[in-house]
Amino acid sequence: MKQKLFFALSALAAVLCDSRIAQACAVCITGANDPTAEAFNASVLFLMATPYLVVGSIAGGLYFVYRRALVKSAQDEAAATAIPLVWNQEASER
């Protein structure tokens, strides 16, 4: 049992002491002014902005539909209050 525990702890120590694992992100490996690091940063910004763009476009669409409904209801109310002064065939059928 002690040999298994010693082997597991030594394997864990070997993995944690590996310098390649410490430099796991693209910026740590490539450096500060590398095109790969800049592409990585741009992709992170794109992925962070995408949910905001989706939610904003849905909210904008709902606002647009709401405004159109307000205008249409105002037009319908204005048309309903108008007195028809013209004779039409449908209104005179008996």
PDB file of N, CA and C in Angstrom:
ATOM      1  N   MET A   1       0.814  -1.185   0.000  1.00  0.00           N
ATOM      2  CA  MET A   1       0.000   0.000   0.000  1.00  0.00           C
ATOM      3  C   MET A   1       0.861   1.254   0.000  1.00  0.00           C
ATOM      4  N   LYS A   2       1.956   1.229   0.752  1.00  0.00           N
ATOM      5  CA  LYS A   2       2.831   2.390   0.813  1.00  0.00           C
ATOM      6  C   LYS A   2       3.518   2.613  -0.530  1.00  0.00           C
ATOM      7  N   GLN A   3       3.806   1.513  -1.261  1.00  0.00           N
ATOM      8  CA  GLN A   3       4.451   1.662  -2.563  1.00  0.00           C
ATOM      9  C   GLN A   3       3.497   2.322  -3.556  1.00  0.00           C
ATOM     10  N   LYS A   4       2.221   1.979  -3.514  1.00  0.00           N
ATOM     11  CA  LYS A   4       1.244   2.592  -4.425  1.00  0.00           C
ATOM     12  C   LYS A   4       1.076   4.071  -4.119  1.00  0.00           C
ATOM     13  N   LEU A   5       1.036   4.407  -2.836  1.00  0.00           N
ATOM     14  CA  LEU A   5       0.905   5.806  -2.447  1.00  0.00           C
ATOM     15  C   LEU A   5       2.151   6.587  -2.855  1.00  0.00           C
ATOM     16  N   PHE A   6       3.329   6.021  -2.646  1.00  0.00           N
ATOM     17  CA  PHE A   6       4.568   6.682  -3.042  1.00  0.00           C
ATOM     18  C   PHE A   6       4.621   6.857  -4.557  1.00  0.00           C
ATOM     19  N   PHE A   7       4.212   5.839  -5.307  1.00  0.00           N
ATOM     20  CA  PHE A   7       4.209   5.934  -6.771  1.00  0.00           C
ATOM     21  C   PHE A   7       3.225   7.006  -7.239  1.00  0.00           C
ATOM     22  N   ALA A   8       2.043   7.074  -6.630  1.00  0.00           N
ATOM     23  CA  ALA A   8       1.043   8.073  -7.018  1.00  0.00           C
ATOM     24  C   ALA A   8       1.534   9.482  -6.700  1.00  0.00           C
ATOM     25  N   LEU A   9       2.137   9.671  -5.531  1.00  0.00           N
ATOM     26  CA  LEU A   9       2.645  10.989  -5.173  1.00  0.00           C
ATOM     27  C   LEU A   9       3.821  11.406  -6.042  1.00  0.00           C
ATOM     28  N   SER A  10       4.703  10.471  -6.372  1.00  0.00           N
ATOM     29  CA  SER A  10       5.834  10.816  -7.235  1.00  0.00           C
ATOM     30  C   SER A  10       5.361  11.113  -8.657  1.00  0.00           C
ATOM     31  N   ALA A  11       4.361  10.407  -9.143  1.00  0.00           N
ATOM     32  CA  ALA A  11       3.809  10.704 -10.472  1.00  0.00           C
ATOM     33  C   ALA A  11       3.145  12.077 -10.471  1.00  0.00           C
ATOM     34  N   LEU A  12       2.427  12.404  -9.417  1.00  0.00           N
ATOM     35  CA  LEU A  12       1.801  13.718  -9.304  1.00  0.00           C
ATOM     36  C   LEU A  12       2.854  14.820  -9.243  1.00  0.00           C
ATOM     37  N   ALA A  13       3.906  14.615  -8.504  1.00  0.00           N
ATOM     38  CA  ALA A  13       4.980  15.608  -8.414  1.00  0.00           C
ATOM     39  C   ALA A  13       5.664  15.782  -9.762  1.00  0.00           C
ATOM     40  N   ALA A  14       5.854  14.702 -10.498  1.00  0.00           N
ATOM     41  CA  ALA A  14       6.494  14.795 -11.811  1.00  0.00           C
ATOM     42  C   ALA A  14       5.622  15.573 -12.789  1.00  0.00           C
ATOM     43  N   VAL A  15       4.334  15.358 -12.717  1.00  0.00           N
ATOM     44  CA  VAL A  15       3.419  16.074 -13.608  1.00  0.00           C
ATOM     45  C   VAL A  15       3.369  17.554 -13.253  1.00  0.00           C
ATOM     46  N   LEU A  16       3.332  17.869 -11.970  1.00  0.00           N
ATOM     47  CA  LEU A  16       3.239  19.261 -11.555  1.00  0.00           C
ATOM     48  C   LEU A  16       4.536  20.032 -11.792  1.00  0.00           C
ATOM     49  N   CYS A  17       5.655  19.364 -11.802  1.00  0.00           N
ATOM     50  CA  CYS A  17       6.935  20.035 -12.001  1.00  0.00           C
ATOM     51  C   CYS A  17       7.296  20.211 -13.471  1.00  0.00           C
ATOM     52  N   ASP A  18       6.502  19.676 -14.360  1.00  0.00           N
ATOM     53  CA  ASP A  18       6.784  19.799 -15.789  1.00  0.00           C
ATOM     54  C   ASP A  18       6.546  21.245 -16.223  1.00  0.00           C
ATOM     55  N   SER A  19       7.512  21.854 -16.873  1.00  0.00           N
ATOM     56  CA  SER A  19       7.397  23.266 -17.253  1.00  0.00           C
ATOM     57  C   SER A  19       6.415  23.476 -18.400  1.00  0.00           C
ATOM     58  N   ARG A  20       6.178  22.468 -19.212  1.00  0.00           N
ATOM     59  CA  ARG A  20       5.225  22.625 -20.311  1.00  0.00           C
ATOM     60  C   ARG A  20       3.803  22.767 -19.799  1.00  0.00           C
ATOM     61  N   ILE A  21       3.492  22.144 -18.679  1.00  0.00           N
ATOM     62  CA  ILE A  21       2.152  22.246 -18.115  1.00  0.00           C
ATOM     63  C   ILE A  21       1.953  23.628 -17.489  1.00  0.00           C
ATOM     64  N   ALA A  22       3.012  24.210 -16.944  1.00  0.00           N
ATOM     65  CA  ALA A  22       2.906  25.534 -16.340  1.00  0.00           C
ATOM     66  C   ALA A  22       2.602  26.593 -17.397  1.00  0.00           C
ATOM     67  N   GLN A  23       3.046  26.381 -18.630  1.00  0.00           N
ATOM     68  CA  GLN A  23       2.779  27.309 -19.725  1.00  0.00           C
ATOM     69  C   GLN A  23       1.655  26.742 -20.592  1.00  0.00           C
ATOM     70  N   ALA A  24       0.468  26.729 -20.039  1.00  0.00           N
ATOM     71  CA  ALA A  24      -0.636  26.065 -20.714  1.00  0.00           C
ATOM     72  C   ALA A  24      -1.367  26.957 -21.694  1.00  0.00           C
ATOM     73  N   CYS A  25      -1.389  28.255 -21.477  1.00  0.00           N
ATOM     74  CA  CYS A  25      -2.158  29.118 -22.373  1.00  0.00           C
ATOM     75  C   CYS A  25      -1.297  29.567 -23.552  1.00  0.00           C
ATOM     76  N   ALA A  26      -1.969  30.073 -24.583  1.00  0.00           N
ATOM     77  CA  ALA A  26      -1.273  30.458 -25.803  1.00  0.00           C
ATOM     78  C   ALA A  26      -0.342  31.643 -25.574  1.00  0.00           C
ATOM     79  N   VAL A  27      -0.701  32.550 -24.687  1.00  0.00           N
ATOM     80  CA  VAL A  27       0.127  33.723 -24.440  1.00  0.00           C
ATOM     81  C   VAL A  27       1.399  33.328 -23.687  1.00  0.00           C
ATOM     82  N   CYS A  28       1.291  32.391 -22.760  1.00  0.00           N
ATOM     83  CA  CYS A  28       2.475  31.968 -21.999  1.00  0.00           C
ATOM     84  C   CYS A  28       3.476  31.244 -22.890  1.00  0.00           C
ATOM     85  N   ILE A  29       2.994  30.507 -23.868  1.00  0.00           N
ATOM     86  CA  ILE A  29       3.886  29.740 -24.728  1.00  0.00           C
ATOM     87  C   ILE A  29       4.527  30.623 -25.785  1.00  0.00           C
ATOM     88  N   THR A  30       3.739  31.487 -26.425  1.00  0.00           N
ATOM     89  CA  THR A  30       4.238  32.218 -27.581  1.00  0.00           C
ATOM     90  C   THR A  30       4.913  33.519 -27.226  1.00  0.00           C
ATOM     91  N   GLY A  31       4.505  34.184 -26.194  1.00  0.00           N
ATOM     92  CA  GLY A  31       5.087  35.471 -25.852  1.00  0.00           C
ATOM     93  C   GLY A  31       4.070  36.579 -26.042  1.00  0.00           C
ATOM     94  N   ALA A  32       4.528  37.813 -25.844  1.00  0.00           N
ATOM     95  CA  ALA A  32       3.594  38.933 -25.824  1.00  0.00           C
ATOM     96  C   ALA A  32       3.224  39.437 -27.213  1.00  0.00           C
ATOM     97  N   ASN A  33       4.166  39.544 -28.134  1.00  0.00           N
ATOM     98  CA  ASN A  33       3.896  40.163 -29.430  1.00  0.00           C
ATOM     99  C   ASN A  33       3.865  39.157 -30.565  1.00  0.00           C
ATOM    100  N   ASP A  34       3.376  37.994 -30.312  1.00  0.00           N
ATOM    101  CA  ASP A  34       3.334  36.953 -31.330  1.00  0.00           C
ATOM    102  C   ASP A  34       1.969  36.969 -32.013  1.00  0.00           C
ATOM    103  N   PRO A  35       1.902  36.714 -33.323  1.00  0.00           N
ATOM    104  CA  PRO A  35       0.607  36.683 -34.004  1.00  0.00           C
ATOM    105  C   PRO A  35      -0.338  35.611 -33.451  1.00  0.00           C
ATOM    106  N   THR A  36       0.208  34.522 -32.964  1.00  0.00           N
ATOM    107  CA  THR A  36      -0.639  33.480 -32.384  1.00  0.00           C
ATOM    108  C   THR A  36      -1.323  33.981 -31.117  1.00  0.00           C
ATOM    109  N   ALA A  37      -0.596  34.717 -30.301  1.00  0.00           N
ATOM    110  CA  ALA A  37      -1.183  35.269 -29.080  1.00  0.00           C
ATOM    111  C   ALA A  37      -2.246  36.307 -29.416  1.00  0.00           C
ATOM    112  N   GLU A  38      -1.993  37.124 -30.421  1.00  0.00           N
ATOM    113  CA  GLU A  38      -2.979  38.128 -30.821  1.00  0.00           C
ATOM    114  C   GLU A  38      -4.241  37.460 -31.369  1.00  0.00           C
ATOM    115  N   ALA A  39      -4.075  36.393 -32.137  1.00  0.00           N
ATOM    116  CA  ALA A  39      -5.238  35.665 -32.661  1.00  0.00           C
ATOM    117  C   ALA A  39      -6.020  35.011 -31.523  1.00  0.00           C
ATOM    118  N   PHE A  40      -5.310  34.493 -30.550  1.00  0.00           N
ATOM    119  CA  PHE A  40      -5.971  33.895 -29.386  1.00  0.00           C
ATOM    120  C   PHE A  40      -6.782  34.943 -28.634  1.00  0.00           C
ATOM    121  N   ASN A  41      -6.198  36.112 -28.424  1.00  0.00           N
ATOM    122  CA  ASN A  41      -6.908  37.182 -27.722  1.00  0.00           C
ATOM    123  C   ASN A  41      -8.114  37.663 -28.520  1.00  0.00           C
ATOM    124  N   ALA A  42      -7.992  37.769 -29.832  1.00  0.00           N
ATOM    125  CA  ALA A  42      -9.112  38.192 -30.666  1.00  0.00           C
ATOM    126  C   ALA A  42     -10.241  37.163 -30.615  1.00  0.00           C
ATOM    127  N   SER A  43      -9.889  35.895 -30.624  1.00  0.00           N
ATOM    128  CA  SER A  43     -10.930  34.868 -30.563  1.00  0.00           C
ATOM    129  C   SER A  43     -11.632  34.875 -29.209  1.00  0.00           C
ATOM    130  N   VAL A  44     -10.913  35.141 -28.151  1.00  0.00           N
ATOM    131  CA  VAL A  44     -11.534  35.231 -26.829  1.00  0.00           C
ATOM    132  C   VAL A  44     -12.491  36.415 -26.779  1.00  0.00           C
ATOM    133  N   LEU A  45     -12.093  37.554 -27.335  1.00  0.00           N
ATOM    134  CA  LEU A  45     -12.977  38.710 -27.352  1.00  0.00           C
ATOM    135  C   LEU A  45     -14.226  38.445 -28.184  1.00  0.00           C
ATOM    136  N   PHE A  46     -14.059  37.762 -29.311  1.00  0.00           N
ATOM    137  CA  PHE A  46     -15.208  37.417 -30.149  1.00  0.00           C
ATOM    138  C   PHE A  46     -16.166  36.504 -29.396  1.00  0.00           C
ATOM    139  N   LEU A  47     -15.642  35.507 -28.721  1.00  0.00           N
ATOM    140  CA  LEU A  47     -16.498  34.579 -27.983  1.00  0.00           C
ATOM    141  C   LEU A  47     -17.181  35.260 -26.797  1.00  0.00           C
ATOM    142  N   MET A  48     -16.534  36.264 -26.218  1.00  0.00           N
ATOM    143  CA  MET A  48     -17.157  36.989 -25.115  1.00  0.00           C
ATOM    144  C   MET A  48     -18.250  37.931 -25.616  1.00  0.00           C
ATOM    145  N   ALA A  49     -18.096  38.487 -26.808  1.00  0.00           N
ATOM    146  CA  ALA A  49     -19.061  39.461 -27.330  1.00  0.00           C
ATOM    147  C   ALA A  49     -20.281  38.796 -27.960  1.00  0.00           C
ATOM    148  N   THR A  50     -20.164  37.570 -28.398  1.00  0.00           N
ATOM    149  CA  THR A  50     -21.254  36.911 -29.116  1.00  0.00           C
ATOM    150  C   THR A  50     -22.544  36.811 -28.303  1.00  0.00           C
ATOM    151  N   PRO A  51     -22.537  36.398 -27.043  1.00  0.00           N
ATOM    152  CA  PRO A  51     -23.810  36.341 -26.301  1.00  0.00           C
ATOM    153  C   PRO A  51     -24.473  37.712 -26.158  1.00  0.00           C
ATOM    154  N   TYR A  52     -23.665  38.760 -25.976  1.00  0.00           N
ATOM    155  CA  TYR A  52     -24.229  40.097 -25.873  1.00  0.00           C
ATOM    156  C   TYR A  52     -24.869  40.526 -27.184  1.00  0.00           C
ATOM    157  N   LEU A  53     -24.252  40.182 -28.300  1.00  0.00           N
ATOM    158  CA  LEU A  53     -24.829  40.518 -29.593  1.00  0.00           C
ATOM    159  C   LEU A  53     -26.139  39.773 -29.835  1.00  0.00           C
ATOM    160  N   VAL A  54     -26.197  38.524 -29.456  1.00  0.00           N
ATOM    161  CA  VAL A  54     -27.418  37.733 -29.649  1.00  0.00           C
ATOM    162  C   VAL A  54     -28.547  38.288 -28.786  1.00  0.00           C
ATOM    163  N   VAL A  55     -28.282  38.522 -27.520  1.00  0.00           N
ATOM    164  CA  VAL A  55     -29.314  39.045 -26.621  1.00  0.00           C
ATOM    165  C   VAL A  55     -29.724  40.455 -27.041  1.00  0.00           C
ATOM    166  N   GLY A  56     -28.764  41.270 -27.456  1.00  0.00           N
ATOM    167  CA  GLY A  56     -29.083  42.624 -27.904  1.00  0.00           C
ATOM    168  C   GLY A  56     -29.923  42.632 -29.160  1.00  0.00           C
ATOM    169  N   SER A  57     -29.644  41.732 -30.096  1.00  0.00           N
ATOM    170  CA  SER A  57     -30.452  41.693 -31.308  1.00  0.00           C
ATOM    171  C   SER A  57     -31.866  41.196 -31.023  1.00  0.00           C
ATOM    172  N   ILE A  58     -32.029  40.267 -30.115  1.00  0.00           N
ATOM    173  CA  ILE A  58     -33.370  39.810 -29.733  1.00  0.00           C
ATOM    174  C   ILE A  58     -34.127  40.937 -29.043  1.00  0.00           C
ATOM    175  N   ALA A  59     -33.469  41.649 -28.132  1.00  0.00           N
ATOM    176  CA  ALA A  59     -34.122  42.763 -27.441  1.00  0.00           C
ATOM    177  C   ALA A  59     -34.475  43.872 -28.431  1.00  0.00           C
ATOM    178  N   GLY A  60     -33.595  44.161 -29.369  1.00  0.00           N
ATOM    179  CA  GLY A  60     -33.887  45.179 -30.374  1.00  0.00           C
ATOM    180  C   GLY A  60     -35.061  44.780 -31.252  1.00  0.00           C
ATOM    181  N   GLY A  61     -35.135  43.523 -31.633  1.00  0.00           N
ATOM    182  CA  GLY A  61     -36.264  43.045 -32.428  1.00  0.00           C
ATOM    183  C   GLY A  61     -37.570  43.137 -31.675  1.00  0.00           C
ATOM    184  N   LEU A  62     -37.561  42.779 -30.395  1.00  0.00           N
ATOM    185  CA  LEU A  62     -38.775  42.890 -29.584  1.00  0.00           C
ATOM    186  C   LEU A  62     -39.201  44.348 -29.420  1.00  0.00           C
ATOM    187  N   TYR A  63     -38.240  45.245 -29.240  1.00  0.00           N
ATOM    188  CA  TYR A  63     -38.547  46.668 -29.126  1.00  0.00           C
ATOM    189  C   TYR A  63     -39.143  47.189 -30.431  1.00  0.00           C
ATOM    190  N   PHE A  64     -38.601  46.767 -31.569  1.00  0.00           N
ATOM    191  CA  PHE A  64     -39.109  47.178 -32.877  1.00  0.00           C
ATOM    192  C   PHE A  64     -40.547  46.690 -33.071  1.00  0.00           C
ATOM    193  N   VAL A  65     -40.830  45.461 -32.722  1.00  0.00           N
ATOM    194  CA  VAL A  65     -42.187  44.912 -32.852  1.00  0.00           C
ATOM    195  C   VAL A  65     -43.142  45.649 -31.919  1.00  0.00           C
ATOM    196  N   TYR A  66     -42.697  45.955 -30.712  1.00  0.00           N
ATOM    197  CA  TYR A  66     -43.534  46.680 -29.754  1.00  0.00           C
ATOM    198  C   TYR A  66     -43.878  48.073 -30.281  1.00  0.00           C
ATOM    199  N   ARG A  67     -42.896  48.776 -30.823  1.00  0.00           N
ATOM    200  CA  ARG A  67     -43.146  50.115 -31.374  1.00  0.00           C
ATOM    201  C   ARG A  67     -44.103  50.059 -32.559  1.00  0.00           C
ATOM    202  N   ARG A  68     -43.952  49.061 -33.423  1.00  0.00           N
ATOM    203  CA  ARG A  68     -44.864  48.920 -34.561  1.00  0.00           C
ATOM    204  C   ARG A  68     -46.284  48.653 -34.085  1.00  0.00           C
ATOM    205  N   ALA A  69     -46.431  47.843 -33.022  1.00  0.00           N
ATOM    206  CA  ALA A  69     -47.760  47.550 -32.490  1.00  0.00           C
ATOM    207  C   ALA A  69     -48.397  48.809 -31.896  1.00  0.00           C
ATOM    208  N   LEU A  70     -47.598  49.661 -31.237  1.00  0.00           N
ATOM    209  CA  LEU A  70     -48.134  50.908 -30.694  1.00  0.00           C
ATOM    210  C   LEU A  70     -48.626  51.828 -31.813  1.00  0.00           C
ATOM    211  N   VAL A  71     -47.845  51.949 -32.869  1.00  0.00           N
ATOM    212  CA  VAL A  71     -48.234  52.803 -33.984  1.00  0.00           C
ATOM    213  C   VAL A  71     -49.494  52.259 -34.649  1.00  0.00           C
ATOM    214  N   LYS A  72     -49.548  50.961 -34.848  1.00  0.00           N
ATOM    215  CA  LYS A  72     -50.721  50.350 -35.490  1.00  0.00           C
ATOM    216  C   LYS A  72     -51.966  50.518 -34.632  1.00  0.00           C
ATOM    217  N   SER A  73     -51.845  50.350 -33.327  1.00  0.00           N
ATOM    218  CA  SER A  73     -53.021  50.524 -32.466  1.00  0.00           C
ATOM    219  C   SER A  73     -53.481  51.980 -32.461  1.00  0.00           C
ATOM    220  N   ALA A  74     -52.543  52.915 -32.511  1.00  0.00           N
ATOM    221  CA  ALA A  74     -52.925  54.327 -32.577  1.00  0.00           C
ATOM    222  C   ALA A  74     -53.638  54.630 -33.887  1.00  0.00           C
ATOM    223  N   GLN A  75     -53.179  54.042 -34.983  1.00  0.00           N
ATOM    224  CA  GLN A  75     -53.832  54.237 -36.277  1.00  0.00           C
ATOM    225  C   GLN A  75     -55.221  53.597 -36.288  1.00  0.00           C
ATOM    226  N   ASP A  76     -55.357  52.438 -35.688  1.00  0.00           N
ATOM    227  CA  ASP A  76     -56.665  51.768 -35.632  1.00  0.00           C
ATOM    228  C   ASP A  76     -57.654  52.566 -34.793  1.00  0.00           C
ATOM    229  N   GLU A  77     -57.197  53.135 -33.689  1.00  0.00           N
ATOM    230  CA  GLU A  77     -58.075  53.951 -32.853  1.00  0.00           C
ATOM    231  C   GLU A  77     -58.505  55.210 -33.593  1.00  0.00           C
ATOM    232  N   ALA A  78     -57.576  55.810 -34.332  1.00  0.00           N
ATOM    233  CA  ALA A  78     -57.915  57.012 -35.089  1.00  0.00           C
ATOM    234  C   ALA A  78     -58.902  56.681 -36.199  1.00  0.00           C
ATOM    235  N   ALA A  79     -58.759  55.534 -36.819  1.00  0.00           N
ATOM    236  CA  ALA A  79     -59.672  55.138 -37.891  1.00  0.00           C
ATOM    237  C   ALA A  79     -61.036  54.745 -37.329  1.00  0.00           C
ATOM    238  N   ALA A  80     -61.084  54.197 -36.131  1.00  0.00           N
ATOM    239  CA  ALA A  80     -62.344  53.772 -35.539  1.00  0.00           C
ATOM    240  C   ALA A  80     -63.178  54.971 -35.083  1.00  0.00           C
ATOM    241  N   THR A  81     -62.537  56.038 -34.676  1.00  0.00           N
ATOM    242  CA  THR A  81     -63.264  57.212 -34.212  1.00  0.00           C
ATOM    243  C   THR A  81     -63.729  58.097 -35.360  1.00  0.00           C
ATOM    244  N   ALA A  82     -63.224  57.899 -36.552  1.00  0.00           N
ATOM    245  CA  ALA A  82     -63.638  58.707 -37.699  1.00  0.00           C
ATOM    246  C   ALA A  82     -65.049  58.318 -38.130  1.00  0.00           C
ATOM    247  N   ILE A  83     -65.837  59.297 -38.496  1.00  0.00           N
ATOM    248  CA  ILE A  83     -67.206  59.058 -38.948  1.00  0.00           C
ATOM    249  C   ILE A  83     -67.174  58.848 -40.464  1.00  0.00           C
ATOM    250  N   PRO A  84     -67.681  57.717 -40.923  1.00  0.00           N
ATOM    251  CA  PRO A  84     -67.673  57.511 -42.375  1.00  0.00           C
ATOM    252  C   PRO A  84     -68.687  58.429 -43.057  1.00  0.00           C
ATOM    253  N   LEU A  85     -68.237  59.249 -43.970  1.00  0.00           N
ATOM    254  CA  LEU A  85     -69.090  60.193 -44.677  1.00  0.00           C
ATOM    255  C   LEU A  85     -69.375  59.749 -46.101  1.00  0.00           C
ATOM    256  N   VAL A  86     -68.898  58.597 -46.446  1.00  0.00           N
ATOM    257  CA  VAL A  86     -69.046  58.106 -47.809  1.00  0.00           C
ATOM    258  C   VAL A  86     -70.007  56.927 -47.796  1.00  0.00           C
ATOM    259  N   TRP A  87     -70.900  56.889 -48.775  1.00  0.00           N
ATOM    260  CA  TRP A  87     -71.827  55.776 -48.895  1.00  0.00           C
ATOM    261  C   TRP A  87     -71.102  54.617 -49.561  1.00  0.00           C
ATOM    262  N   ASN A  88     -71.205  53.425 -48.984  1.00  0.00           N
ATOM    263  CA  ASN A  88     -70.629  52.258 -49.621  1.00  0.00           C
ATOM    264  C   ASN A  88     -71.677  51.164 -49.702  1.00  0.00           C
ATOM    265  N   GLN A  89     -71.479  50.278 -50.622  1.00  0.00           N
ATOM    266  CA  GLN A  89     -72.471  49.233 -50.934  1.00  0.00           C
ATOM    267  C   GLN A  89     -72.644  48.283 -49.752  1.00  0.00           C
ATOM    268  N   GLU A  90     -71.564  47.943 -49.063  1.00  0.00           N
ATOM    269  CA  GLU A  90     -71.645  46.969 -47.969  1.00  0.00           C
ATOM    270  C   GLU A  90     -72.472  47.495 -46.803  1.00  0.00           C
ATOM    271  N   ALA A  91     -72.410  48.769 -46.545  1.00  0.00           N
ATOM    272  CA  ALA A  91     -73.151  49.329 -45.411  1.00  0.00           C
ATOM    273  C   ALA A  91     -74.630  49.467 -45.718  1.00  0.00           C
ATOM    274  N   SER A  92     -75.012  49.541 -46.983  1.00  0.00           N
ATOM    275  CA  SER A  92     -76.406  49.771 -47.344  1.00  0.00           C
ATOM    276  C   SER A  92     -77.182  48.505 -47.641  1.00  0.00           C
ATOM    277  N   GLU A  93     -76.589  47.360 -47.567  1.00  0.00           N
ATOM    278  CA  GLU A  93     -77.301  46.117 -47.865  1.00  0.00           C
ATOM    279  C   GLU A  93     -78.306  45.820 -46.772  1.00  0.00           C
ATOM    280  N   ARG A  94     -79.558  45.476 -47.210  1.00  0.00           N
ATOM    281  CA  ARG A  94     -80.597  45.162 -46.233  1.00  0.00           C
ATOM    282  C   ARG A  94     -81.167  43.827 -46.463  1.00  0.00           C
TER     283      ARG A  94
END
